[in-house]
All heavy atoms as atom14 arrays in JSON, in Angstrom:
{
  "sequence": "GLYGEKTSLLTRVEDPYRHYLELSFVFHLLGGY",
  "atom14_mask": [
    [1, 1, 1, 1, 0, 0, 0, 0, 0, 0, 0, 0, 0, 0],
    [1, 1, 1, 1, 1, 1, 1, 1, 0, 0, 0, 0, 0, 0],
    [1, 1, 1, 1, 1, 1, 1, 1, 1, 1, 1, 1, 0, 0],
    [1, 1, 1, 1, 0, 0, 0, 0, 0, 0, 0, 0, 0, 0],
    [1, 1, 1, 1, 1, 1, 1, 1, 1, 0, 0, 0, 0, 0],
    [1, 1, 1, 1, 1, 1, 1, 1, 1, 0, 0, 0, 0, 0],
    [1, 1, 1, 1, 1, 1, 1, 0, 0, 0, 0, 0, 0, 0],
    [1, 1, 1, 1, 1, 1, 0, 0, 0, 0, 0, 0, 0, 0],
    [1, 1, 1, 1, 1, 1, 1, 1, 0, 0, 0, 0, 0, 0],
    [1, 1, 1, 1, 1, 1, 1, 1, 0, 0, 0, 0, 0, 0],
    [1, 1, 1, 1, 1, 1, 1, 0, 0, 0, 0, 0, 0, 0],
    [1, 1, 1, 1, 1, 1, 1, 1, 1, 1, 1, 0, 0, 0],
    [1, 1, 1, 1, 1, 1, 1, 0, 0, 0, 0, 0, 0, 0],
    [1, 1, 1, 1, 1, 1, 1, 1, 1, 0, 0, 0, 0, 0],
    [1, 1, 1, 1, 1, 1, 1, 1, 0, 0, 0, 0, 0, 0],
    [1, 1, 1, 1, 1, 1, 1, 0, 0, 0, 0, 0, 0, 0],
    [1, 1, 1, 1, 1, 1, 1, 1, 1, 1, 1, 1, 0, 0],
    [1, 1, 1, 1, 1, 1, 1, 1, 1, 1, 1, 0, 0, 0],
    [1, 1, 1, 1, 1, 1, 1, 1, 1, 1, 0, 0, 0, 0],
    [1, 1, 1, 1, 1, 1, 1, 1, 1, 1, 1, 1, 0, 0],
    [1, 1, 1, 1, 1, 1, 1, 1, 0, 0, 0, 0, 0, 0],
    [1, 1, 1, 1, 1, 1, 1, 1, 1, 0, 0, 0, 0, 0],
    [1, 1, 1, 1, 1, 1, 1, 1, 0, 0, 0, 0, 0, 0],
    [1, 1, 1, 1, 1, 1, 0, 0, 0, 0, 0, 0, 0, 0],
    [1, 1, 1, 1, 1, 1, 1, 1, 1, 1, 1, 0, 0, 0],
    [1, 1, 1, 1, 1, 1, 1, 0, 0, 0, 0, 0, 0, 0],
    [1, 1, 1, 1, 1, 1, 1, 1, 1, 1, 1, 0, 0, 0],
    [1, 1, 1, 1, 1, 1, 1, 1, 1, 1, 0, 0, 0, 0],
    [1, 1, 1, 1, 1, 1, 1, 1, 0, 0, 0, 0, 0, 0],
    [1, 1, 1, 1, 1, 1, 1, 1, 0, 0, 0, 0, 0, 0],
    [1, 1, 1, 1, 0, 0, 0, 0, 0, 0, 0, 0, 0, 0],
    [1, 1, 1, 1, 0, 0, 0, 0, 0, 0, 0, 0, 0, 0],
    [1, 1, 1, 1, 1, 1, 1, 1, 1, 1, 1, 1, 0, 0]
  ],
  "atom14_positions": [
    [[9.51, -11.73, 4.72], [10.66, -12.3, 5.63], [11.85, -11.55, 5.62], [12.66, -11.56, 6.56], [0.0, 0.0, 0.0], [0.0, 0.0, 0.0], [0.0, 0.0, 0.0], [0.0, 0.0, 0.0], [0.0, 0.0, 0.0], [0.0, 0.0, 0.0], [0.0, 0.0, 0.0], [0.0, 0.0, 0.0], [0.0, 0.0, 0.0], [0.0, 0.0, 0.0]],
    [[12.09, -10.72, 4.52], [13.28, -9.88, 4.47], [13.22, -8.71, 5.38], [14.32, -8.08, 5.68], [13.6, -9.48, 3.01], [13.8, -10.65, 2.01], [13.98, -10.12, 0.61], [14.86, -11.55, 2.45], [0.0, 0.0, 0.0], [0.0, 0.0, 0.0], [0.0, 0.0, 0.0], [0.0, 0.0, 0.0], [0.0, 0.0, 0.0], [0.0, 0.0, 0.0]],
    [[12.08, -8.36, 5.85], [11.97, -7.29, 6.91], [11.31, -7.8, 8.14], [10.75, -7.11, 8.94], [11.25, -6.02, 6.36], [9.92, -6.21, 5.75], [8.75, -6.27, 6.46], [9.82, -6.31, 4.34], [7.47, -6.42, 5.83], [8.61, -6.43, 3.7], [7.39, -6.5, 4.51], [6.21, -6.65, 3.86], [0.0, 0.0, 0.0], [0.0, 0.0, 0.0]],
    [[11.42, -9.17, 8.35], [11.09, -9.79, 9.58], [9.63, -10.06, 9.92], [9.33, -10.15, 11.1], [0.0, 0.0, 0.0], [0.0, 0.0, 0.0], [0.0, 0.0, 0.0], [0.0, 0.0, 0.0], [0.0, 0.0, 0.0], [0.0, 0.0, 0.0], [0.0, 0.0, 0.0], [0.0, 0.0, 0.0], [0.0, 0.0, 0.0], [0.0, 0.0, 0.0]],
    [[8.82, -10.17, 8.84], [7.39, -10.49, 9.09], [6.92, -11.66, 8.27], [7.56, -12.13, 7.29], [6.58, -9.22, 8.67], [6.75, -8.04, 9.53], [5.78, -6.96, 9.29], [4.84, -7.18, 8.38], [5.79, -5.91, 9.96], [0.0, 0.0, 0.0], [0.0, 0.0, 0.0], [0.0, 0.0, 0.0], [0.0, 0.0, 0.0], [0.0, 0.0, 0.0]],
    [[5.84, -12.31, 8.77], [5.24, -13.32, 7.96], [4.49, -12.8, 6.8], [4.18, -11.58, 6.74], [4.21, -14.16, 8.91], [4.96, -14.91, 10.01], [3.91, -15.61, 10.87], [4.59, -16.42, 11.95], [3.63, -17.23, 12.78], [0.0, 0.0, 0.0], [0.0, 0.0, 0.0], [0.0, 0.0, 0.0], [0.0, 0.0, 0.0], [0.0, 0.0, 0.0]],
    [[4.13, -13.61, 5.82], [3.55, -13.19, 4.61], [2.11, -13.12, 4.61], [1.39, -14.16, 4.86], [4.05, -14.01, 3.45], [5.47, -14.14, 3.34], [3.59, -13.58, 2.14], [0.0, 0.0, 0.0], [0.0, 0.0, 0.0], [0.0, 0.0, 0.0], [0.0, 0.0, 0.0], [0.0, 0.0, 0.0], [0.0, 0.0, 0.0], [0.0, 0.0, 0.0]],
    [[1.54, -11.93, 4.39], [0.07, -11.77, 4.33], [-0.52, -12.51, 3.19], [0.12, -12.68, 2.14], [-0.28, -10.26, 4.2], [-1.58, -10.03, 3.78], [0.0, 0.0, 0.0], [0.0, 0.0, 0.0], [0.0, 0.0, 0.0], [0.0, 0.0, 0.0], [0.0, 0.0, 0.0], [0.0, 0.0, 0.0], [0.0, 0.0, 0.0], [0.0, 0.0, 0.0]],
    [[-1.79, -12.89, 3.25], [-2.5, -13.5, 2.12], [-2.6, -12.58, 0.95], [-2.86, -13.02, -0.18], [-3.94, -13.94, 2.53], [-3.96, -15.01, 3.65], [-5.41, -15.26, 4.11], [-3.3, -16.35, 3.18], [0.0, 0.0, 0.0], [0.0, 0.0, 0.0], [0.0, 0.0, 0.0], [0.0, 0.0, 0.0], [0.0, 0.0, 0.0], [0.0, 0.0, 0.0]],
    [[-2.43, -11.27, 1.14], [-2.62, -10.26, 0.09], [-1.28, -9.84, -0.44], [-1.28, -8.97, -1.41], [-3.36, -9.03, 0.67], [-4.8, -9.33, 1.13], [-5.44, -8.09, 1.74], [-5.65, -9.82, -0.04], [0.0, 0.0, 0.0], [0.0, 0.0, 0.0], [0.0, 0.0, 0.0], [0.0, 0.0, 0.0], [0.0, 0.0, 0.0], [0.0, 0.0, 0.0]],
    [[-0.2, -10.36, 0.04], [1.14, -10.02, -0.51], [1.45, -10.89, -1.77], [1.2, -12.1, -1.61], [2.23, -10.13, 0.51], [2.03, -9.12, 1.53], [3.58, -10.06, -0.03], [0.0, 0.0, 0.0], [0.0, 0.0, 0.0], [0.0, 0.0, 0.0], [0.0, 0.0, 0.0], [0.0, 0.0, 0.0], [0.0, 0.0, 0.0], [0.0, 0.0, 0.0]],
    [[1.93, -10.34, -2.82], [2.33, -11.11, -3.96], [3.84, -10.89, -4.33], [4.19, -9.78, -4.6], [1.5, -10.69, -5.18], [-0.01, -11.0, -5.04], [-0.79, -10.62, -6.22], [-0.34, -11.28, -7.44], [-0.69, -11.02, -8.66], [-1.62, -10.08, -8.91], [-0.19, -11.67, -9.71], [0.0, 0.0, 0.0], [0.0, 0.0, 0.0], [0.0, 0.0, 0.0]],
    [[4.59, -11.98, -4.22], [5.97, -11.92, -4.5], [6.28, -12.5, -5.83], [5.86, -13.68, -6.04], [6.85, -12.6, -3.38], [8.32, -12.49, -3.73], [6.54, -11.94, -2.04], [0.0, 0.0, 0.0], [0.0, 0.0, 0.0], [0.0, 0.0, 0.0], [0.0, 0.0, 0.0], [0.0, 0.0, 0.0], [0.0, 0.0, 0.0], [0.0, 0.0, 0.0]],
    [[6.96, -11.78, -6.74], [7.17, -12.29, -8.06], [8.66, -12.56, -8.44], [8.91, -13.34, -9.35], [6.57, -11.31, -9.06], [5.06, -11.11, -8.96], [4.54, -10.1, -9.9], [5.26, -9.6, -10.77], [3.28, -9.75, -9.78], [0.0, 0.0, 0.0], [0.0, 0.0, 0.0], [0.0, 0.0, 0.0], [0.0, 0.0, 0.0], [0.0, 0.0, 0.0]],
    [[9.55, -11.81, -7.85], [10.94, -11.83, -8.29], [11.84, -11.72, -7.09], [12.39, -10.65, -6.91], [11.14, -10.74, -9.32], [12.43, -10.9, -10.11], [13.21, -11.78, -9.75], [12.64, -10.15, -11.09], [0.0, 0.0, 0.0], [0.0, 0.0, 0.0], [0.0, 0.0, 0.0], [0.0, 0.0, 0.0], [0.0, 0.0, 0.0], [0.0, 0.0, 0.0]],
    [[12.13, -12.8, -6.38], [12.91, -12.69, -5.2], [14.36, -12.08, -5.39], [14.8, -11.27, -4.64], [13.09, -14.09, -4.68], [11.84, -14.79, -5.24], [11.68, -14.16, -6.58], [0.0, 0.0, 0.0], [0.0, 0.0, 0.0], [0.0, 0.0, 0.0], [0.0, 0.0, 0.0], [0.0, 0.0, 0.0], [0.0, 0.0, 0.0], [0.0, 0.0, 0.0]],
    [[14.98, -12.44, -6.48], [16.38, -12.0, -6.73], [16.45, -10.48, -6.87], [17.49, -9.9, -6.58], [17.06, -12.74, -7.8], [18.22, -13.59, -7.28], [18.06, -14.88, -6.85], [19.57, -12.99, -7.2], [19.1, -15.65, -6.35], [20.54, -13.71, -6.66], [20.37, -15.05, -6.26], [21.44, -15.79, -5.72], [0.0, 0.0, 0.0], [0.0, 0.0, 0.0]],
    [[15.4, -9.95, -7.5], [15.43, -8.46, -7.64], [15.5, -7.81, -6.26], [16.25, -6.86, -6.05], [14.18, -8.04, -8.41], [14.1, -6.47, -8.47], [12.94, -5.93, -9.16], [12.93, -4.49, -9.05], [11.89, -3.66, -9.35], [10.81, -4.21, -9.9], [11.96, -2.4, -9.22], [0.0, 0.0, 0.0], [0.0, 0.0, 0.0], [0.0, 0.0, 0.0]],
    [[14.71, -8.34, -5.32], [14.66, -7.77, -3.98], [15.94, -8.0, -3.23], [16.46, -7.15, -2.51], [13.53, -8.36, -3.23], [12.17, -8.07, -3.85], [11.77, -6.71, -4.24], [11.17, -8.89, -4.22], [10.56, -6.8, -4.79], [10.17, -8.12, -4.78], [0.0, 0.0, 0.0], [0.0, 0.0, 0.0], [0.0, 0.0, 0.0], [0.0, 0.0, 0.0]],
    [[16.54, -9.22, -3.41], [17.88, -9.46, -2.85], [18.84, -8.41, -3.19], [19.62, -7.83, -2.4], [18.41, -10.81, -3.24], [17.66, -12.03, -2.79], [17.86, -13.33, -3.36], [16.58, -11.93, -1.85], [17.13, -14.36, -3.02], [15.88, -13.09, -1.44], [16.08, -14.3, -2.08], [15.41, -15.41, -1.67], [0.0, 0.0, 0.0], [0.0, 0.0, 0.0]],
    [[18.97, -8.14, -4.52], [19.93, -7.21, -5.06], [19.67, -5.79, -4.58], [20.6, -5.1, -4.02], [19.93, -7.23, -6.54], [20.91, -6.16, -7.19], [22.36, -6.66, -7.07], [20.56, -5.93, -8.73], [0.0, 0.0, 0.0], [0.0, 0.0, 0.0], [0.0, 0.0, 0.0], [0.0, 0.0, 0.0], [0.0, 0.0, 0.0], [0.0, 0.0, 0.0]],
    [[18.41, -5.32, -4.66], [18.13, -4.0, -4.37], [18.11, -3.72, -2.84], [18.59, -2.63, -2.46], [16.76, -3.66, -5.0], [16.8, -3.71, -6.53], [15.52, -3.23, -7.2], [14.66, -2.68, -6.47], [15.38, -3.33, -8.39], [0.0, 0.0, 0.0], [0.0, 0.0, 0.0], [0.0, 0.0, 0.0], [0.0, 0.0, 0.0], [0.0, 0.0, 0.0]],
    [[17.73, -4.58, -2.05], [17.76, -4.34, -0.58], [19.21, -4.35, -0.13], [19.59, -3.52, 0.68], [16.98, -5.46, 0.1], [15.46, -5.4, 0.1], [14.85, -6.68, 0.57], [14.94, -4.25, 0.92], [0.0, 0.0, 0.0], [0.0, 0.0, 0.0], [0.0, 0.0, 0.0], [0.0, 0.0, 0.0], [0.0, 0.0, 0.0], [0.0, 0.0, 0.0]],
    [[20.04, -5.26, -0.63], [21.45, -5.26, -0.25], [22.15, -4.02, -0.74], [22.99, -3.48, 0.0], [22.1, -6.51, -0.83], [23.43, -6.69, -0.28], [0.0, 0.0, 0.0], [0.0, 0.0, 0.0], [0.0, 0.0, 0.0], [0.0, 0.0, 0.0], [0.0, 0.0, 0.0], [0.0, 0.0, 0.0], [0.0, 0.0, 0.0], [0.0, 0.0, 0.0]],
    [[21.79, -3.56, -1.95], [22.48, -2.3, -2.47], [22.07, -1.14, -1.55], [22.84, -0.32, -1.16], [22.0, -2.11, -3.84], [22.91, -1.09, -4.63], [24.09, -0.58, -4.1], [22.57, -0.72, -5.9], [24.82, 0.34, -4.83], [23.28, 0.25, -6.58], [24.45, 0.74, -6.09], [0.0, 0.0, 0.0], [0.0, 0.0, 0.0], [0.0, 0.0, 0.0]],
    [[20.79, -1.08, -1.15], [20.33, 0.04, -0.32], [21.08, -0.06, 1.06], [21.6, 1.02, 1.53], [18.8, -0.09, -0.01], [18.4, 0.79, 1.2], [18.04, 0.33, -1.27], [0.0, 0.0, 0.0], [0.0, 0.0, 0.0], [0.0, 0.0, 0.0], [0.0, 0.0, 0.0], [0.0, 0.0, 0.0], [0.0, 0.0, 0.0], [0.0, 0.0, 0.0]],
    [[21.16, -1.23, 1.6], [21.92, -1.36, 2.92], [23.36, -0.83, 2.73], [23.84, -0.19, 3.64], [21.85, -2.68, 3.43], [22.58, -2.89, 4.71], [21.99, -2.54, 5.95], [23.87, -3.43, 4.74], [22.71, -2.65, 7.16], [24.58, -3.58, 5.99], [23.96, -3.15, 7.14], [0.0, 0.0, 0.0], [0.0, 0.0, 0.0], [0.0, 0.0, 0.0]],
    [[24.01, -1.25, 1.68], [25.4, -0.8, 1.44], [25.47, 0.71, 1.25], [26.4, 1.34, 1.69], [25.94, -1.55, 0.2], [26.44, -2.94, 0.47], [25.57, -4.0, 0.74], [27.78, -3.41, 0.71], [26.33, -5.04, 0.94], [27.59, -4.73, 0.96], [0.0, 0.0, 0.0], [0.0, 0.0, 0.0], [0.0, 0.0, 0.0], [0.0, 0.0, 0.0]],
    [[24.46, 1.3, 0.63], [24.49, 2.73, 0.41], [24.17, 3.49, 1.75], [24.94, 4.45, 2.06], [23.38, 3.12, -0.58], [23.64, 2.72, -2.04], [22.36, 2.92, -2.8], [24.69, 3.65, -2.65], [0.0, 0.0, 0.0], [0.0, 0.0, 0.0], [0.0, 0.0, 0.0], [0.0, 0.0, 0.0], [0.0, 0.0, 0.0], [0.0, 0.0, 0.0]],
    [[23.16, 3.08, 2.52], [22.74, 3.89, 3.59], [22.99, 3.27, 4.96], [22.82, 4.02, 5.98], [21.21, 4.11, 3.44], [20.7, 4.72, 2.15], [19.18, 4.86, 2.15], [21.34, 6.03, 1.82], [0.0, 0.0, 0.0], [0.0, 0.0, 0.0], [0.0, 0.0, 0.0], [0.0, 0.0, 0.0], [0.0, 0.0, 0.0], [0.0, 0.0, 0.0]],
    [[23.27, 1.97, 5.08], [23.3, 1.35, 6.36], [21.9, 1.09, 6.85], [20.93, 1.27, 6.19], [0.0, 0.0, 0.0], [0.0, 0.0, 0.0], [0.0, 0.0, 0.0], [0.0, 0.0, 0.0], [0.0, 0.0, 0.0], [0.0, 0.0, 0.0], [0.0, 0.0, 0.0], [0.0, 0.0, 0.0], [0.0, 0.0, 0.0], [0.0, 0.0, 0.0]],
    [[21.8, 0.57, 8.09], [20.5, 0.32, 8.62], [20.56, -0.32, 10.04], [21.63, -0.63, 10.66], [0.0, 0.0, 0.0], [0.0, 0.0, 0.0], [0.0, 0.0, 0.0], [0.0, 0.0, 0.0], [0.0, 0.0, 0.0], [0.0, 0.0, 0.0], [0.0, 0.0, 0.0], [0.0, 0.0, 0.0], [0.0, 0.0, 0.0], [0.0, 0.0, 0.0]],
    [[19.35, -0.47, 10.58], [19.27, -1.08, 11.93], [19.73, -2.53, 11.94], [19.99, -3.01, 13.0], [17.81, -1.08, 12.36], [17.24, 0.32, 12.68], [16.07, 0.75, 12.1], [17.87, 1.15, 13.48], [15.57, 2.06, 12.4], [17.44, 2.43, 13.81], [16.25, 2.85, 13.29], [15.74, 4.08, 13.57], [0.0, 0.0, 0.0], [0.0, 0.0, 0.0]]
  ]
}
């Protein structure tokens, strides 16, 4: 959902807050669409 897609049956998410932090840091570093 963080890149705009539904979740596949084969996707395994374990630690949402890690992704919140790292994705936001990347966006602040590089910008994005």
